[in-house]
Amino acid sequence: MALFTAPNGNAAEKAKTQNTIIREFLSGKNGRQKLETRLPRWTKFPAESYTSRGGFRTADQWAQVQPLFVRE
């Protein structure tokens, strides 16, 4: 029994097919929803964590200093 199953029906496809699908999402072709950004959360500014449990040092540090920055 697998602990995690990817909900992607294209996981077993050839790399060429997967790359084509990625290109279609980035460009919005063939009925795919266009993705405006493809940056992972941890590379954005400010850095974001994928979970609420913490453990990503950069995001945790930003959460501590964020209240010091006041937007008017």
Protein backbone atom coordinates (compact mmCIF):
# COMPACT_ATOMS: atom_id res chain seq x y z
CA MET A 1 0.00 0.00 0.00
CA ALA A 2 1.42 3.35 -1.04
CA LEU A 3 1.53 6.13 1.53
CA PHE A 4 1.11 8.81 -1.13
CA THR A 5 -0.43 8.64 -4.56
CA ALA A 6 -0.04 11.55 -6.93
CA PRO A 7 -3.39 12.77 -8.26
CA ASN A 8 -1.84 13.22 -11.68
CA GLY A 9 -2.91 10.93 -14.47
CA ASN A 10 0.21 11.84 -16.44
CA ALA A 11 2.80 10.69 -13.92
CA ALA A 12 3.58 7.54 -15.92
CA GLU A 13 3.86 9.38 -19.26
CA LYS A 14 7.16 9.91 -21.04
CA ALA A 15 9.21 12.96 -20.09
CA LYS A 16 8.54 14.50 -23.50
CA THR A 17 4.79 14.35 -22.88
CA GLN A 18 5.17 15.79 -19.38
CA ASN A 19 7.29 18.66 -20.73
CA THR A 20 4.64 19.38 -23.36
CA ILE A 21 1.97 19.55 -20.65
CA ILE A 22 4.11 21.93 -18.59
CA ARG A 23 4.65 24.18 -21.63
CA GLU A 24 0.90 24.18 -22.30
CA PHE A 25 0.16 25.32 -18.75
CA LEU A 26 2.79 28.06 -18.93
CA SER A 27 1.43 29.36 -22.24
CA GLY A 28 -2.28 28.61 -21.71
CA LYS A 29 -2.60 26.52 -24.89
CA ASN A 30 -4.84 23.48 -25.61
CA GLY A 31 -7.44 24.49 -23.04
CA ARG A 32 -4.99 24.57 -20.13
CA GLN A 33 -5.36 27.29 -17.51
CA LYS A 34 -2.43 29.69 -17.91
CA LEU A 35 -0.16 29.85 -14.89
CA GLU A 36 1.01 33.40 -14.31
CA THR A 37 3.86 32.40 -12.04
CA ARG A 38 5.69 29.16 -11.63
CA LEU A 39 7.88 30.10 -8.67
CA PRO A 40 7.82 27.74 -5.72
CA ARG A 41 6.65 29.39 -2.51
CA TRP A 42 10.08 29.16 -0.91
CA THR A 43 11.67 31.23 -3.72
CA LYS A 44 9.14 34.08 -3.55
CA PHE A 45 9.72 37.27 -1.60
CA PRO A 46 8.78 37.13 1.14
CA ALA A 47 9.35 33.40 1.38
CA GLU A 48 6.33 31.25 2.18
CA SER A 49 6.06 27.83 3.72
CA TYR A 50 3.92 25.06 2.25
CA THR A 51 2.46 24.06 5.61
CA SER A 52 1.32 25.86 8.73
CA ARG A 53 3.52 23.74 11.00
CA GLY A 54 6.62 25.81 10.27
CA GLY A 55 10.11 24.44 10.05
CA PHE A 56 11.20 26.47 7.02
CA ARG A 57 13.70 28.81 8.59
CA THR A 58 13.43 31.72 6.15
CA ALA A 59 9.62 31.80 6.32
CA ASP A 60 9.69 31.44 10.10
CA GLN A 61 12.10 34.36 10.43
CA TRP A 62 9.95 36.52 8.14
CA ALA A 63 6.88 35.74 10.26
CA GLN A 64 8.75 37.08 13.30
CA VAL A 65 9.78 40.40 11.73
CA GLN A 66 6.75 41.00 9.50
CA PRO A 67 4.82 42.94 12.20
CA LEU A 68 7.68 45.47 12.29
CA PHE A 69 6.86 46.53 8.71
CA VAL A 70 3.85 48.79 8.71
CA ARG A 71 2.00 49.49 5.45
CA GLU A 72 0.12 52.73 5.28
